[in-house]
Amino acid sequence: MHLVTANDYLARRDAEWMGRIYKFLGLSVGVIVHGLSDAERQHNYRCDSPTAPTRNSASIICATT
């Protein structure tokens, strides 16, 4: 499940807020925002539920196809 938000703030907020539920269900949660290193970005893309702002949505679509 990949979630797309309007900006970095909402990506962080939603990953934290909904992440509690996803983690309770056994899913890993990641957030893709500006300023991550390549390793951090790759790790977060590999999570069960990555959350990212719209500018990263093409990357999410490409990574999952």
PDB file of N, CA and C in Angstrom:
ATOM      1  N   MET A   1       0.852  -1.154   0.000  1.00  0.00           N
ATOM      2  CA  MET A   1       0.000   0.000   0.000  1.00  0.00           C
ATOM      3  C   MET A   1       0.903   1.223   0.000  1.00  0.00           C
ATOM      4  N   HIS A   2       0.744   2.080  -0.981  1.00  0.00           N
ATOM      5  CA  HIS A   2       1.542   3.290  -1.102  1.00  0.00           C
ATOM      6  C   HIS A   2       0.631   4.493  -0.930  1.00  0.00           C
ATOM      7  N   LEU A   3       1.024   5.397  -0.060  1.00  0.00           N
ATOM      8  CA  LEU A   3       0.213   6.570   0.222  1.00  0.00           C
ATOM      9  C   LEU A   3       0.896   7.815  -0.320  1.00  0.00           C
ATOM     10  N   VAL A   4       0.126   8.680  -0.956  1.00  0.00           N
ATOM     11  CA  VAL A   4       0.649   9.916  -1.520  1.00  0.00           C
ATOM     12  C   VAL A   4      -0.047  11.087  -0.847  1.00  0.00           C
ATOM     13  N   THR A   5       0.742  12.067  -0.411  1.00  0.00           N
ATOM     14  CA  THR A   5       0.204  13.257   0.251  1.00  0.00           C
ATOM     15  C   THR A   5       0.632  14.505  -0.524  1.00  0.00           C
ATOM     16  N   ALA A   6       0.204  15.653  -0.066  1.00  0.00           N
ATOM     17  CA  ALA A   6       0.484  16.908  -0.764  1.00  0.00           C
ATOM     18  C   ALA A   6       1.894  17.441  -0.519  1.00  0.00           C
ATOM     19  N   ASN A   7       2.494  17.151   0.645  1.00  0.00           N
ATOM     20  CA  ASN A   7       3.806  17.727   0.961  1.00  0.00           C
ATOM     21  C   ASN A   7       4.524  16.902   2.030  1.00  0.00           C
ATOM     22  N   ASP A   8       5.772  17.295   2.338  1.00  0.00           N
ATOM     23  CA  ASP A   8       6.587  16.562   3.310  1.00  0.00           C
ATOM     24  C   ASP A   8       5.944  16.531   4.694  1.00  0.00           C
ATOM     25  N   TYR A   9       5.380  17.654   5.109  1.00  0.00           N
ATOM     26  CA  TYR A   9       4.751  17.723   6.432  1.00  0.00           C
ATOM     27  C   TYR A   9       3.652  16.665   6.554  1.00  0.00           C
ATOM     28  N   LEU A  10       2.781  16.609   5.553  1.00  0.00           N
ATOM     29  CA  LEU A  10       1.682  15.638   5.606  1.00  0.00           C
ATOM     30  C   LEU A  10       2.192  14.200   5.490  1.00  0.00           C
ATOM     31  N   ALA A  11       3.252  13.991   4.731  1.00  0.00           N
ATOM     32  CA  ALA A  11       3.822  12.645   4.624  1.00  0.00           C
ATOM     33  C   ALA A  11       4.310  12.173   5.991  1.00  0.00           C
ATOM     34  N   ARG A  12       5.038  13.048   6.691  1.00  0.00           N
ATOM     35  CA  ARG A  12       5.515  12.688   8.040  1.00  0.00           C
ATOM     36  C   ARG A  12       4.342  12.474   9.004  1.00  0.00           C
ATOM     37  N   ARG A  13       3.396  13.410   8.977  1.00  0.00           N
ATOM     38  CA  ARG A  13       2.249  13.327   9.884  1.00  0.00           C
ATOM     39  C   ARG A  13       1.455  12.044   9.647  1.00  0.00           C
ATOM     40  N   ASP A  14       1.159  11.758   8.386  1.00  0.00           N
ATOM     41  CA  ASP A  14       0.352  10.579   8.081  1.00  0.00           C
ATOM     42  C   ASP A  14       1.087   9.285   8.395  1.00  0.00           C
ATOM     43  N   ALA A  15       2.402   9.259   8.136  1.00  0.00           N
ATOM     44  CA  ALA A  15       3.180   8.061   8.450  1.00  0.00           C
ATOM     45  C   ALA A  15       3.200   7.816   9.956  1.00  0.00           C
ATOM     46  N   GLU A  16       3.279   8.882  10.733  1.00  0.00           N
ATOM     47  CA  GLU A  16       3.280   8.735  12.191  1.00  0.00           C
ATOM     48  C   GLU A  16       1.889   8.379  12.706  1.00  0.00           C
ATOM     49  N   TRP A  17       0.889   9.087  12.228  1.00  0.00           N
ATOM     50  CA  TRP A  17      -0.481   8.907  12.707  1.00  0.00           C
ATOM     51  C   TRP A  17      -1.033   7.526  12.332  1.00  0.00           C
ATOM     52  N   MET A  18      -1.020   7.214  11.040  1.00  0.00           N
ATOM     53  CA  MET A  18      -1.551   5.931  10.583  1.00  0.00           C
ATOM     54  C   MET A  18      -0.551   4.797  10.800  1.00  0.00           C
ATOM     55  N   GLY A  19       0.730   5.160  10.931  1.00  0.00           N
ATOM     56  CA  GLY A  19       1.762   4.154  11.145  1.00  0.00           C
ATOM     57  C   GLY A  19       1.526   3.312  12.382  1.00  0.00           C
ATOM     58  N   ARG A  20       0.926   3.904  13.392  1.00  0.00           N
ATOM     59  CA  ARG A  20       0.614   3.138  14.608  1.00  0.00           C
ATOM     60  C   ARG A  20      -0.311   1.967  14.295  1.00  0.00           C
ATOM     61  N   ILE A  21      -1.291   2.219  13.457  1.00  0.00           N
ATOM     62  CA  ILE A  21      -2.234   1.158  13.075  1.00  0.00           C
ATOM     63  C   ILE A  21      -1.534   0.132  12.193  1.00  0.00           C
ATOM     64  N   TYR A  22      -0.791   0.605  11.192  1.00  0.00           N
ATOM     65  CA  TYR A  22      -0.107  -0.318  10.286  1.00  0.00           C
ATOM     66  C   TYR A  22       0.888  -1.191  11.034  1.00  0.00           C
ATOM     67  N   LYS A  23       1.645  -0.598  11.959  1.00  0.00           N
ATOM     68  CA  LYS A  23       2.600  -1.383  12.745  1.00  0.00           C
ATOM     69  C   LYS A  23       1.885  -2.404  13.615  1.00  0.00           C
ATOM     70  N   PHE A  24       0.753  -2.022  14.185  1.00  0.00           N
ATOM     71  CA  PHE A  24      -0.045  -2.958  14.985  1.00  0.00           C
ATOM     72  C   PHE A  24      -0.469  -4.153  14.126  1.00  0.00           C
ATOM     73  N   LEU A  25      -0.728  -3.907  12.843  1.00  0.00           N
ATOM     74  CA  LEU A  25      -1.131  -4.966  11.915  1.00  0.00           C
ATOM     75  C   LEU A  25       0.062  -5.735  11.339  1.00  0.00           C
ATOM     76  N   GLY A  26       1.277  -5.368  11.773  1.00  0.00           N
ATOM     77  CA  GLY A  26       2.470  -6.083  11.332  1.00  0.00           C
ATOM     78  C   GLY A  26       3.102  -5.551  10.068  1.00  0.00           C
ATOM     79  N   LEU A  27       2.715  -4.357   9.632  1.00  0.00           N
ATOM     80  CA  LEU A  27       3.279  -3.761   8.425  1.00  0.00           C
ATOM     81  C   LEU A  27       4.412  -2.817   8.787  1.00  0.00           C
ATOM     82  N   SER A  28       5.390  -2.712   7.897  1.00  0.00           N
ATOM     83  CA  SER A  28       6.447  -1.721   8.098  1.00  0.00           C
ATOM     84  C   SER A  28       6.009  -0.404   7.458  1.00  0.00           C
ATOM     85  N   VAL A  29       6.456   0.699   8.039  1.00  0.00           N
ATOM     86  CA  VAL A  29       6.031   2.027   7.603  1.00  0.00           C
ATOM     87  C   VAL A  29       7.259   2.851   7.237  1.00  0.00           C
ATOM     88  N   GLY A  30       7.211   3.518   6.094  1.00  0.00           N
ATOM     89  CA  GLY A  30       8.294   4.384   5.675  1.00  0.00           C
ATOM     90  C   GLY A  30       7.752   5.726   5.233  1.00  0.00           C
ATOM     91  N   VAL A  31       8.599   6.717   5.275  1.00  0.00           N
ATOM     92  CA  VAL A  31       8.226   8.048   4.800  1.00  0.00           C
ATOM     93  C   VAL A  31       9.337   8.556   3.891  1.00  0.00           C
ATOM     94  N   ILE A  32       8.967   8.995   2.692  1.00  0.00           N
ATOM     95  CA  ILE A  32       9.928   9.483   1.719  1.00  0.00           C
ATOM     96  C   ILE A  32       9.761  10.995   1.623  1.00  0.00           C
ATOM     97  N   VAL A  33      10.744  11.729   2.120  1.00  0.00           N
ATOM     98  CA  VAL A  33      10.686  13.187   2.138  1.00  0.00           C
ATOM     99  C   VAL A  33      12.025  13.748   1.671  1.00  0.00           C
ATOM    100  N   HIS A  34      12.050  15.040   1.437  1.00  0.00           N
ATOM    101  CA  HIS A  34      13.262  15.734   1.004  1.00  0.00           C
ATOM    102  C   HIS A  34      14.358  15.600   2.065  1.00  0.00           C
ATOM    103  N   GLY A  35      15.582  15.409   1.623  1.00  0.00           N
ATOM    104  CA  GLY A  35      16.717  15.389   2.531  1.00  0.00           C
ATOM    105  C   GLY A  35      17.167  14.015   2.976  1.00  0.00           C
ATOM    106  N   LEU A  36      16.521  12.955   2.502  1.00  0.00           N
ATOM    107  CA  LEU A  36      16.957  11.610   2.874  1.00  0.00           C
ATOM    108  C   LEU A  36      18.178  11.210   2.046  1.00  0.00           C
ATOM    109  N   SER A  37      19.038  10.417   2.642  1.00  0.00           N
ATOM    110  CA  SER A  37      20.156   9.861   1.876  1.00  0.00           C
ATOM    111  C   SER A  37      19.601   8.779   0.945  1.00  0.00           C
ATOM    112  N   ASP A  38      20.394   8.357  -0.018  1.00  0.00           N
ATOM    113  CA  ASP A  38      19.947   7.301  -0.929  1.00  0.00           C
ATOM    114  C   ASP A  38      19.598   6.025  -0.171  1.00  0.00           C
ATOM    115  N   ALA A  39      20.410   5.672   0.823  1.00  0.00           N
ATOM    116  CA  ALA A  39      20.157   4.456   1.607  1.00  0.00           C
ATOM    117  C   ALA A  39      18.851   4.560   2.384  1.00  0.00           C
ATOM    118  N   GLU A  40      18.606   5.729   2.994  1.00  0.00           N
ATOM    119  CA  GLU A  40      17.352   5.933   3.736  1.00  0.00           C
ATOM    120  C   GLU A  40      16.147   5.876   2.798  1.00  0.00           C
ATOM    121  N   ARG A  41      16.290   6.488   1.650  1.00  0.00           N
ATOM    122  CA  ARG A  41      15.204   6.502   0.661  1.00  0.00           C
ATOM    123  C   ARG A  41      14.893   5.074   0.200  1.00  0.00           C
ATOM    124  N   GLN A  42      15.925   4.293  -0.115  1.00  0.00           N
ATOM    125  CA  GLN A  42      15.725   2.911  -0.550  1.00  0.00           C
ATOM    126  C   GLN A  42      15.060   2.085   0.541  1.00  0.00           C
ATOM    127  N   HIS A  43      15.515   2.257   1.769  1.00  0.00           N
ATOM    128  CA  HIS A  43      14.917   1.526   2.892  1.00  0.00           C
ATOM    129  C   HIS A  43      13.426   1.851   3.014  1.00  0.00           C
ATOM    130  N   ASN A  44      13.086   3.129   2.938  1.00  0.00           N
ATOM    131  CA  ASN A  44      11.692   3.535   3.095  1.00  0.00           C
ATOM    132  C   ASN A  44      10.819   3.078   1.938  1.00  0.00           C
ATOM    133  N   TYR A  45      11.362   3.047   0.710  1.00  0.00           N
ATOM    134  CA  TYR A  45      10.602   2.539  -0.427  1.00  0.00           C
ATOM    135  C   TYR A  45      10.294   1.055  -0.276  1.00  0.00           C
ATOM    136  N   ARG A  46      11.153   0.323   0.423  1.00  0.00           N
ATOM    137  CA  ARG A  46      10.955  -1.118   0.592  1.00  0.00           C
ATOM    138  C   ARG A  46       9.941  -1.464   1.688  1.00  0.00           C
ATOM    139  N   CYS A  47       9.502  -0.481   2.442  1.00  0.00           N
ATOM    140  CA  CYS A  47       8.515  -0.730   3.502  1.00  0.00           C
ATOM    141  C   CYS A  47       7.177  -1.130   2.898  1.00  0.00           C
ATOM    142  N   ASP A  48       6.366  -1.809   3.703  1.00  0.00           N
ATOM    143  CA  ASP A  48       5.033  -2.220   3.251  1.00  0.00           C
ATOM    144  C   ASP A  48       4.148  -1.022   2.939  1.00  0.00           C
ATOM    145  N   SER A  49       4.328   0.060   3.691  1.00  0.00           N
ATOM    146  CA  SER A  49       3.477   1.240   3.533  1.00  0.00           C
ATOM    147  C   SER A  49       4.307   2.516   3.491  1.00  0.00           C
ATOM    148  N   PRO A  50       4.921   2.816   2.323  1.00  0.00           N
ATOM    149  CA  PRO A  50       5.648   4.081   2.218  1.00  0.00           C
ATOM    150  C   PRO A  50       4.684   5.242   1.974  1.00  0.00           C
ATOM    151  N   THR A  51       4.963   6.366   2.583  1.00  0.00           N
ATOM    152  CA  THR A  51       4.168   7.578   2.397  1.00  0.00           C
ATOM    153  C   THR A  51       5.081   8.647   1.817  1.00  0.00           C
ATOM    154  N   ALA A  52       4.617   9.327   0.769  1.00  0.00           N
ATOM    155  CA  ALA A  52       5.450  10.320   0.096  1.00  0.00           C
ATOM    156  C   ALA A  52       4.594  11.460  -0.438  1.00  0.00           C
ATOM    157  N   PRO A  53       5.199  12.638  -0.601  1.00  0.00           N
ATOM    158  CA  PRO A  53       4.475  13.737  -1.238  1.00  0.00           C
ATOM    159  C   PRO A  53       4.309  13.485  -2.736  1.00  0.00           C
ATOM    160  N   THR A  54       3.430  14.218  -3.373  1.00  0.00           N
ATOM    161  CA  THR A  54       3.109  13.985  -4.781  1.00  0.00           C
ATOM    162  C   THR A  54       4.312  14.071  -5.702  1.00  0.00           C
ATOM    163  N   ARG A  55       5.308  14.885  -5.372  1.00  0.00           N
ATOM    164  CA  ARG A  55       6.460  15.001  -6.276  1.00  0.00           C
ATOM    165  C   ARG A  55       7.232  13.682  -6.380  1.00  0.00           C
ATOM    166  N   ASN A  56       7.031  12.774  -5.434  1.00  0.00           N
ATOM    167  CA  ASN A  56       7.686  11.468  -5.472  1.00  0.00           C
ATOM    168  C   ASN A  56       6.764  10.366  -5.978  1.00  0.00           C
ATOM    169  N   SER A  57       5.549  10.705  -6.353  1.00  0.00           N
ATOM    170  CA  SER A  57       4.580   9.664  -6.714  1.00  0.00           C
ATOM    171  C   SER A  57       4.995   8.897  -7.965  1.00  0.00           C
ATOM    172  N   ALA A  58       5.642   9.535  -8.918  1.00  0.00           N
ATOM    173  CA  ALA A  58       6.107   8.816 -10.114  1.00  0.00           C
ATOM    174  C   ALA A  58       7.140   7.778  -9.722  1.00  0.00           C
ATOM    175  N   SER A  59       7.993   8.087  -8.760  1.00  0.00           N
ATOM    176  CA  SER A  59       8.995   7.121  -8.297  1.00  0.00           C
ATOM    177  C   SER A  59       8.327   5.935  -7.640  1.00  0.00           C
ATOM    178  N   ILE A  60       7.295   6.185  -6.886  1.00  0.00           N
ATOM    179  CA  ILE A  60       6.575   5.083  -6.229  1.00  0.00           C
ATOM    180  C   ILE A  60       5.922   4.201  -7.269  1.00  0.00           C
ATOM    181  N   ILE A  61       5.285   4.796  -8.269  1.00  0.00           N
ATOM    182  CA  ILE A  61       4.623   4.019  -9.307  1.00  0.00           C
ATOM    183  C   ILE A  61       5.643   3.182 -10.056  1.00  0.00           C
ATOM    184  N   CYS A  62       6.781   3.763 -10.421  1.00  0.00           N
ATOM    185  CA  CYS A  62       7.819   3.028 -11.138  1.00  0.00           C
ATOM    186  C   CYS A  62       8.421   1.925 -10.284  1.00  0.00           C
ATOM    187  N   ALA A  63       8.570   2.166  -8.998  1.00  0.00           N
ATOM    188  CA  ALA A  63       9.193   1.187  -8.107  1.00  0.00           C
ATOM    189  C   ALA A  63       8.297  -0.026  -7.886  1.00  0.00           C
ATOM    190  N   THR A  64       6.992   0.113  -8.104  1.00  0.00           N
ATOM    191  CA  THR A  64       6.077  -0.982  -7.807  1.00  0.00           C
ATOM    192  C   THR A  64       5.592  -1.711  -9.043  1.00  0.00           C
ATOM    193  N   THR A  65       5.995  -1.267 -10.219  1.00  0.00           N
ATOM    194  CA  THR A  65       5.520  -1.941 -11.435  1.00  0.00           C
ATOM    195  C   THR A  65       6.542  -2.889 -11.961  1.00  0.00           C
TER     196      THR A  65
END
